Amino acid sequence: MKIDGGCLCTNVTYEAEVNPERVVICHCTDCQTHSGTAYGVVVGIIDECFHLLSGTLKTYEKIAESGTVRALAFCPECGTRIYAKTVGEGSSLFGLRVGTVRQRAQLIPKAQVWCRSAQEWVGDLTSIPKYEKQPTL
């Protein structure tokens, strides 16, 4: 599936080819901290299938629990996370952040990973009131 997307400020834009069957919800603590929320939603792709069209990405490298080095790429202007990928020769594990994809409604998660770190309340959101827009509290 051909997709396109970018960051919040539109400084960074990209296009990519993804397999919609490779969309996952990641509950790892790194995704929780880096996203500032309970989990991340990513679609796995191969490096060669991602093409930066505009802007320059800044990266932050960290050591994952597995011991591998992960490069977290984001827009240096607005901070939008674009992807995370494994660093090193032969590495092709590349997780594109679904929230940055214009066609995100078509990318439905097929699996959840790192569930041992999942926040207990994410399993059932049906009991939490819903509003179409921000309510006056």
N, C-alpha and C. Protein backbone atom coordinates (compact mmCIF):
# COMPACT_ATOMS: atom_id res chain seq x y z
N MET A 1 0.85 -1.17 0.00
CA MET A 1 0.00 0.00 0.00
C MET A 1 0.90 1.24 0.00
N LYS A 2 0.67 2.13 -0.94
CA LYS A 2 1.43 3.37 -0.99
C LYS A 2 0.80 4.38 -0.04
N ILE A 3 1.62 5.01 0.79
CA ILE A 3 1.13 5.98 1.76
C ILE A 3 1.99 7.24 1.70
N ASP A 4 1.50 8.29 2.33
CA ASP A 4 2.30 9.50 2.50
C ASP A 4 1.93 10.12 3.84
N GLY A 5 2.78 11.00 4.31
CA GLY A 5 2.52 11.61 5.60
C GLY A 5 3.56 12.63 5.95
N GLY A 6 3.55 13.02 7.22
CA GLY A 6 4.52 14.00 7.68
C GLY A 6 4.25 14.41 9.11
N CYS A 7 4.95 15.45 9.51
CA CYS A 7 4.88 15.93 10.89
C CYS A 7 3.78 16.97 11.07
N LEU A 8 3.56 17.36 12.30
CA LEU A 8 2.52 18.32 12.65
C LEU A 8 2.73 19.68 12.00
N CYS A 9 3.96 20.16 11.92
CA CYS A 9 4.23 21.48 11.36
C CYS A 9 4.41 21.45 9.84
N THR A 10 4.36 20.30 9.23
CA THR A 10 4.53 20.05 7.79
C THR A 10 5.95 20.29 7.27
N ASN A 11 6.91 20.47 8.15
CA ASN A 11 8.30 20.60 7.75
C ASN A 11 8.82 19.30 7.14
N VAL A 12 8.44 18.18 7.73
CA VAL A 12 8.87 16.86 7.27
C VAL A 12 7.72 16.19 6.54
N THR A 13 7.98 15.73 5.32
CA THR A 13 7.00 14.93 4.58
C THR A 13 7.72 13.72 4.01
N TYR A 14 6.96 12.65 3.79
CA TYR A 14 7.54 11.42 3.28
C TYR A 14 6.50 10.65 2.49
N GLU A 15 6.98 9.64 1.78
CA GLU A 15 6.11 8.64 1.17
C GLU A 15 6.74 7.29 1.45
N ALA A 16 5.92 6.25 1.43
CA ALA A 16 6.42 4.92 1.74
C ALA A 16 5.50 3.87 1.15
N GLU A 17 6.01 2.68 1.12
CA GLU A 17 5.22 1.51 0.74
C GLU A 17 5.15 0.64 1.99
N VAL A 18 3.93 0.31 2.42
CA VAL A 18 3.76 -0.48 3.64
C VAL A 18 2.86 -1.68 3.38
N ASN A 19 2.96 -2.64 4.26
CA ASN A 19 2.05 -3.78 4.25
C ASN A 19 1.07 -3.56 5.39
N PRO A 20 -0.23 -3.31 5.11
CA PRO A 20 -1.20 -3.04 6.17
C PRO A 20 -1.37 -4.19 7.15
N GLU A 21 -0.87 -5.37 6.82
CA GLU A 21 -0.92 -6.51 7.74
C GLU A 21 0.16 -6.43 8.82
N ARG A 22 1.06 -5.45 8.72
CA ARG A 22 2.17 -5.33 9.67
C ARG A 22 2.00 -4.15 10.62
N VAL A 23 0.75 -3.83 10.95
CA VAL A 23 0.46 -2.74 11.89
C VAL A 23 0.31 -3.34 13.29
N VAL A 24 1.07 -2.79 14.25
CA VAL A 24 1.01 -3.30 15.62
C VAL A 24 0.88 -2.16 16.62
N ILE A 25 0.29 -2.50 17.75
CA ILE A 25 0.28 -1.61 18.91
C ILE A 25 1.44 -2.06 19.79
N CYS A 26 2.31 -1.13 20.14
CA CYS A 26 3.46 -1.45 20.99
C CYS A 26 3.27 -0.85 22.37
N HIS A 27 3.28 -1.70 23.38
CA HIS A 27 3.09 -1.28 24.77
C HIS A 27 4.39 -1.15 25.54
N CYS A 28 5.54 -1.16 24.86
CA CYS A 28 6.81 -1.09 25.58
C CYS A 28 6.92 0.24 26.34
N THR A 29 7.72 0.23 27.37
CA THR A 29 7.86 1.45 28.18
C THR A 29 8.56 2.56 27.40
N ASP A 30 9.42 2.20 26.43
CA ASP A 30 10.04 3.23 25.60
C ASP A 30 8.98 3.97 24.79
N CYS A 31 8.05 3.23 24.16
CA CYS A 31 6.98 3.88 23.40
C CYS A 31 6.10 4.73 24.31
N GLN A 32 5.84 4.25 25.50
CA GLN A 32 5.02 5.02 26.44
C GLN A 32 5.71 6.35 26.78
N THR A 33 6.98 6.28 27.12
CA THR A 33 7.70 7.49 27.51
C THR A 33 7.91 8.44 26.33
N HIS A 34 8.36 7.90 25.21
CA HIS A 34 8.68 8.75 24.06
C HIS A 34 7.45 9.38 23.44
N SER A 35 6.31 8.69 23.51
CA SER A 35 5.08 9.24 22.93
C SER A 35 4.30 10.08 23.94
N GLY A 36 4.60 9.89 25.22
CA GLY A 36 3.85 10.61 26.24
C GLY A 36 2.45 10.06 26.42
N THR A 37 2.23 8.81 26.04
CA THR A 37 0.92 8.19 26.17
C THR A 37 1.09 6.71 26.50
N ALA A 38 0.02 5.93 26.42
CA ALA A 38 0.03 4.55 26.89
C ALA A 38 0.67 3.55 25.93
N TYR A 39 0.74 3.86 24.65
CA TYR A 39 1.31 2.93 23.67
C TYR A 39 1.59 3.65 22.36
N GLY A 40 2.30 2.96 21.48
CA GLY A 40 2.55 3.48 20.14
C GLY A 40 1.89 2.57 19.12
N VAL A 41 1.56 3.11 17.98
CA VAL A 41 1.03 2.31 16.87
C VAL A 41 1.99 2.50 15.70
N VAL A 42 2.53 1.38 15.22
CA VAL A 42 3.53 1.44 14.16
C VAL A 42 3.19 0.45 13.05
N VAL A 43 3.69 0.76 11.87
CA VAL A 43 3.65 -0.19 10.76
C VAL A 43 5.08 -0.49 10.38
N GLY A 44 5.42 -1.76 10.36
CA GLY A 44 6.77 -2.18 10.04
C GLY A 44 7.01 -2.14 8.54
N ILE A 45 8.12 -1.54 8.15
CA ILE A 45 8.49 -1.48 6.74
C ILE A 45 9.98 -1.74 6.60
N ILE A 46 10.43 -1.90 5.38
CA ILE A 46 11.85 -2.05 5.07
C ILE A 46 12.39 -0.65 4.73
N ASP A 47 13.61 -0.35 5.18
CA ASP A 47 14.22 0.98 4.97
C ASP A 47 14.05 1.51 3.55
N GLU A 48 14.26 0.66 2.58
CA GLU A 48 14.22 1.11 1.19
C GLU A 48 12.83 1.56 0.76
N CYS A 49 11.82 1.25 1.54
CA CYS A 49 10.44 1.61 1.18
C CYS A 49 10.01 2.95 1.78
N PHE A 50 10.91 3.65 2.46
CA PHE A 50 10.63 4.95 3.07
C PHE A 50 11.44 6.00 2.34
N HIS A 51 10.78 7.07 1.88
CA HIS A 51 11.47 8.13 1.16
C HIS A 51 11.09 9.49 1.76
N LEU A 52 12.07 10.16 2.32
CA LEU A 52 11.88 11.50 2.86
C LEU A 52 11.74 12.48 1.70
N LEU A 53 10.65 13.24 1.67
CA LEU A 53 10.41 14.18 0.58
C LEU A 53 10.84 15.60 0.93
N SER A 54 10.66 15.99 2.20
CA SER A 54 11.07 17.34 2.61
C SER A 54 11.46 17.33 4.08
N GLY A 55 12.27 18.30 4.43
CA GLY A 55 12.72 18.44 5.81
C GLY A 55 13.90 17.55 6.12
N THR A 56 14.39 17.71 7.32
CA THR A 56 15.50 16.91 7.83
C THR A 56 15.08 16.35 9.16
N LEU A 57 15.34 15.09 9.38
CA LEU A 57 14.99 14.46 10.65
C LEU A 57 16.15 14.51 11.63
N LYS A 58 15.83 14.66 12.88
CA LYS A 58 16.82 14.56 13.94
C LYS A 58 16.63 13.19 14.57
N THR A 59 17.71 12.56 15.00
CA THR A 59 17.58 11.24 15.63
C THR A 59 18.19 11.24 17.03
N TYR A 60 17.62 10.39 17.83
CA TYR A 60 18.12 10.13 19.17
C TYR A 60 18.33 8.63 19.25
N GLU A 61 19.54 8.19 19.59
CA GLU A 61 19.80 6.76 19.68
C GLU A 61 19.75 6.30 21.12
N LYS A 62 19.12 5.13 21.32
CA LYS A 62 19.04 4.55 22.65
C LYS A 62 19.23 3.06 22.56
N ILE A 63 19.59 2.44 23.66
CA ILE A 63 19.75 1.00 23.72
C ILE A 63 18.42 0.40 24.18
N ALA A 64 17.88 -0.49 23.36
CA ALA A 64 16.62 -1.17 23.70
C ALA A 64 16.89 -2.27 24.73
N GLU A 65 15.84 -2.79 25.34
CA GLU A 65 15.98 -3.88 26.30
C GLU A 65 16.72 -5.08 25.69
N SER A 66 16.55 -5.28 24.39
CA SER A 66 17.20 -6.39 23.69
C SER A 66 18.70 -6.17 23.54
N GLY A 67 19.17 -4.95 23.80
CA GLY A 67 20.58 -4.62 23.63
C GLY A 67 20.89 -3.98 22.29
N THR A 68 19.92 -3.93 21.39
CA THR A 68 20.13 -3.31 20.09
C THR A 68 20.00 -1.79 20.20
N VAL A 69 20.70 -1.11 19.31
CA VAL A 69 20.62 0.35 19.27
C VAL A 69 19.45 0.72 18.36
N ARG A 70 18.57 1.58 18.87
CA ARG A 70 17.41 2.06 18.11
C ARG A 70 17.57 3.55 17.89
N ALA A 71 17.38 3.99 16.65
CA ALA A 71 17.40 5.41 16.29
C ALA A 71 15.96 5.88 16.23
N LEU A 72 15.62 6.84 17.06
CA LEU A 72 14.29 7.43 17.09
C LEU A 72 14.35 8.72 16.30
N ALA A 73 13.62 8.79 15.18
CA ALA A 73 13.70 9.95 14.28
C ALA A 73 12.47 10.83 14.45
N PHE A 74 12.69 12.14 14.50
CA PHE A 74 11.60 13.09 14.73
C PHE A 74 11.90 14.41 14.03
N CYS A 75 10.86 15.22 13.87
CA CYS A 75 11.02 16.55 13.29
C CYS A 75 11.70 17.45 14.32
N PRO A 76 12.79 18.14 13.94
CA PRO A 76 13.47 19.01 14.89
C PRO A 76 12.69 20.29 15.19
N GLU A 77 11.69 20.60 14.39
CA GLU A 77 10.90 21.82 14.60
C GLU A 77 9.75 21.60 15.57
N CYS A 78 8.94 20.56 15.34
CA CYS A 78 7.74 20.36 16.17
C CYS A 78 7.82 19.13 17.06
N GLY A 79 8.83 18.29 16.87
CA GLY A 79 9.03 17.12 17.73
C GLY A 79 8.23 15.89 17.36
N THR A 80 7.46 15.94 16.28
CA THR A 80 6.66 14.78 15.89
C THR A 80 7.56 13.57 15.62
N ARG A 81 7.23 12.45 16.26
CA ARG A 81 7.96 11.20 16.04
C ARG A 81 7.57 10.63 14.68
N ILE A 82 8.53 10.30 13.85
CA ILE A 82 8.25 9.77 12.53
C ILE A 82 8.51 8.26 12.48
N TYR A 83 9.66 7.81 12.96
CA TYR A 83 9.94 6.38 12.97
C TYR A 83 10.99 6.03 14.01
N ALA A 84 11.13 4.73 14.22
CA ALA A 84 12.22 4.17 15.01
C ALA A 84 12.79 3.03 14.19
N LYS A 85 14.12 2.92 14.16
CA LYS A 85 14.71 1.81 13.42
C LYS A 85 15.95 1.31 14.14
N THR A 86 16.26 0.04 13.90
CA THR A 86 17.45 -0.58 14.46
C THR A 86 18.66 -0.09 13.68
N VAL A 87 19.71 0.25 14.42
CA VAL A 87 20.94 0.75 13.83
C VAL A 87 21.90 -0.41 13.65
N GLY A 88 22.60 -0.42 12.55
CA GLY A 88 23.62 -1.43 12.31
C GLY A 88 23.48 -2.06 10.95
N GLU A 89 24.58 -2.63 10.51
CA GLU A 89 24.61 -3.26 9.20
C GLU A 89 23.65 -4.45 9.15
N GLY A 90 22.88 -4.52 8.10
CA GLY A 90 21.93 -5.61 7.94
C GLY A 90 20.63 -5.43 8.68
N SER A 91 20.51 -4.35 9.42
CA SER A 91 19.28 -4.11 10.18
C SER A 91 18.23 -3.46 9.29
N SER A 92 17.02 -3.99 9.38
CA SER A 92 15.96 -3.40 8.59
C SER A 92 14.67 -3.24 9.38
N LEU A 93 14.72 -3.43 10.70
CA LEU A 93 13.53 -3.26 11.53
C LEU A 93 13.22 -1.77 11.64
N PHE A 94 12.13 -1.37 11.01
CA PHE A 94 11.79 0.03 10.85
C PHE A 94 10.32 0.20 11.20
N GLY A 95 10.00 0.93 12.24
CA GLY A 95 8.63 1.14 12.68
C GLY A 95 8.17 2.56 12.40
N LEU A 96 7.37 2.72 11.37
CA LEU A 96 6.83 4.03 11.01
C LEU A 96 5.63 4.33 11.90
N ARG A 97 5.58 5.51 12.49
CA ARG A 97 4.50 5.90 13.40
C ARG A 97 3.23 6.17 12.60
N VAL A 98 2.21 5.36 12.85
CA VAL A 98 0.97 5.41 12.08
C VAL A 98 0.26 6.76 12.20
N GLY A 99 0.40 7.43 13.32
CA GLY A 99 -0.23 8.73 13.49
C GLY A 99 0.25 9.79 12.53
N THR A 100 1.40 9.57 11.89
CA THR A 100 1.95 10.53 10.93
C THR A 100 1.51 10.23 9.50
N VAL A 101 0.82 9.11 9.30
CA VAL A 101 0.40 8.67 7.97
C VAL A 101 -0.95 9.30 7.62
N ARG A 102 -1.04 9.90 6.46
CA ARG A 102 -2.31 10.51 6.04
C ARG A 102 -3.42 9.46 5.90
N GLN A 103 -3.09 8.27 5.51
CA GLN A 103 -4.06 7.18 5.32
C GLN A 103 -4.20 6.31 6.58
N ARG A 104 -3.96 6.88 7.76
CA ARG A 104 -3.93 6.10 9.00
C ARG A 104 -5.22 5.35 9.30
N ALA A 105 -6.36 5.84 8.85
CA ALA A 105 -7.63 5.14 9.10
C ALA A 105 -7.65 3.76 8.45
N GLN A 106 -6.84 3.56 7.43
CA GLN A 106 -6.78 2.27 6.73
C GLN A 106 -5.76 1.31 7.36
N LEU A 107 -5.00 1.78 8.32
CA LEU A 107 -3.96 0.96 8.94
C LEU A 107 -4.43 0.50 10.31
N ILE A 108 -5.16 -0.59 10.31
CA ILE A 108 -5.77 -1.14 11.52
C ILE A 108 -4.81 -2.14 12.17
N PRO A 109 -4.53 -1.97 13.46
CA PRO A 109 -3.60 -2.89 14.13
C PRO A 109 -4.04 -4.35 14.02
N LYS A 110 -3.05 -5.21 13.81
CA LYS A 110 -3.27 -6.65 13.69
C LYS A 110 -2.73 -7.42 14.89
N ALA A 111 -1.90 -6.77 15.71
CA ALA A 111 -1.31 -7.44 16.87
C ALA A 111 -0.89 -6.39 17.89
N GLN A 112 -0.65 -6.87 19.12
CA GLN A 112 -0.11 -6.03 20.19
C GLN A 112 1.16 -6.69 20.69
N VAL A 113 2.20 -5.89 20.93
CA VAL A 113 3.48 -6.41 21.41
C VAL A 113 3.88 -5.72 22.70
N TRP A 114 4.80 -6.35 23.42
CA TRP A 114 5.28 -5.87 24.72
C TRP A 114 4.12 -5.67 25.69
N CYS A 115 3.19 -6.60 25.67
CA CYS A 115 1.98 -6.50 26.51
C CYS A 115 2.28 -6.59 27.99
N ARG A 116 3.42 -7.12 28.36
CA ARG A 116 3.76 -7.17 29.79
C ARG A 116 3.89 -5.76 30.38
N SER A 117 4.14 -4.76 29.52
CA SER A 117 4.27 -3.37 29.97
C SER A 117 2.99 -2.57 29.79
N ALA A 118 1.95 -3.19 29.26
CA ALA A 118 0.70 -2.46 28.96
C ALA A 118 0.06 -1.92 30.24
N GLN A 119 -0.48 -0.73 30.13
CA GLN A 119 -1.25 -0.16 31.23
C GLN A 119 -2.55 -0.96 31.35
N GLU A 120 -2.92 -1.33 32.56
CA GLU A 120 -4.09 -2.19 32.76
C GLU A 120 -5.37 -1.62 32.18
N TRP A 121 -5.53 -0.32 32.17
CA TRP A 121 -6.78 0.30 31.74
C TRP A 121 -6.97 0.32 30.23
N VAL A 122 -5.94 0.03 29.43
CA VAL A 122 -6.12 0.10 27.98
C VAL A 122 -6.90 -1.09 27.43
N GLY A 123 -7.06 -2.14 28.21
CA GLY A 123 -7.78 -3.33 27.74
C GLY A 123 -9.25 -3.11 27.48
N ASP A 124 -9.87 -2.17 28.19
CA ASP A 124 -11.29 -1.93 28.01
C ASP A 124 -11.58 -0.45 28.21
N LEU A 125 -11.71 0.27 27.11
CA LEU A 125 -12.00 1.70 27.16
C LEU A 125 -13.50 1.99 27.03
N THR A 126 -14.31 0.94 26.89
CA THR A 126 -15.74 1.14 26.64
C THR A 126 -16.48 1.80 27.80
N SER A 127 -15.98 1.67 29.02
CA SER A 127 -16.67 2.26 30.17
C SER A 127 -16.32 3.74 30.38
N ILE A 128 -15.37 4.25 29.63
CA ILE A 128 -14.96 5.65 29.77
C ILE A 128 -15.85 6.50 28.86
N PRO A 129 -16.45 7.58 29.38
CA PRO A 129 -17.33 8.42 28.55
C PRO A 129 -16.61 8.95 27.30
N LYS A 130 -17.39 9.08 26.21
CA LYS A 130 -16.86 9.56 24.93
C LYS A 130 -17.52 10.88 24.56
N TYR A 131 -16.76 11.77 23.95
CA TYR A 131 -17.25 13.06 23.49
C TYR A 131 -16.74 13.28 22.07
N GLU A 132 -17.53 13.88 21.22
CA GLU A 132 -17.12 14.15 19.85
C GLU A 132 -16.01 15.20 19.78
N LYS A 133 -16.01 16.14 20.70
CA LYS A 133 -14.99 17.19 20.79
C LYS A 133 -14.63 17.37 22.26
N GLN A 134 -13.68 18.26 22.53
CA GLN A 134 -13.28 18.54 23.90
C GLN A 134 -14.45 19.13 24.68
N PRO A 135 -14.91 18.47 25.75
CA PRO A 135 -16.01 19.02 26.53
C PRO A 135 -15.54 20.14 27.47
N THR A 136 -16.45 20.95 27.88
CA THR A 136 -16.16 21.95 28.91
C THR A 136 -16.21 21.25 30.25
N LEU A 137 -15.10 21.25 30.94
CA LEU A 137 -15.03 20.56 32.23
C LEU A 137 -15.11 21.51 33.38
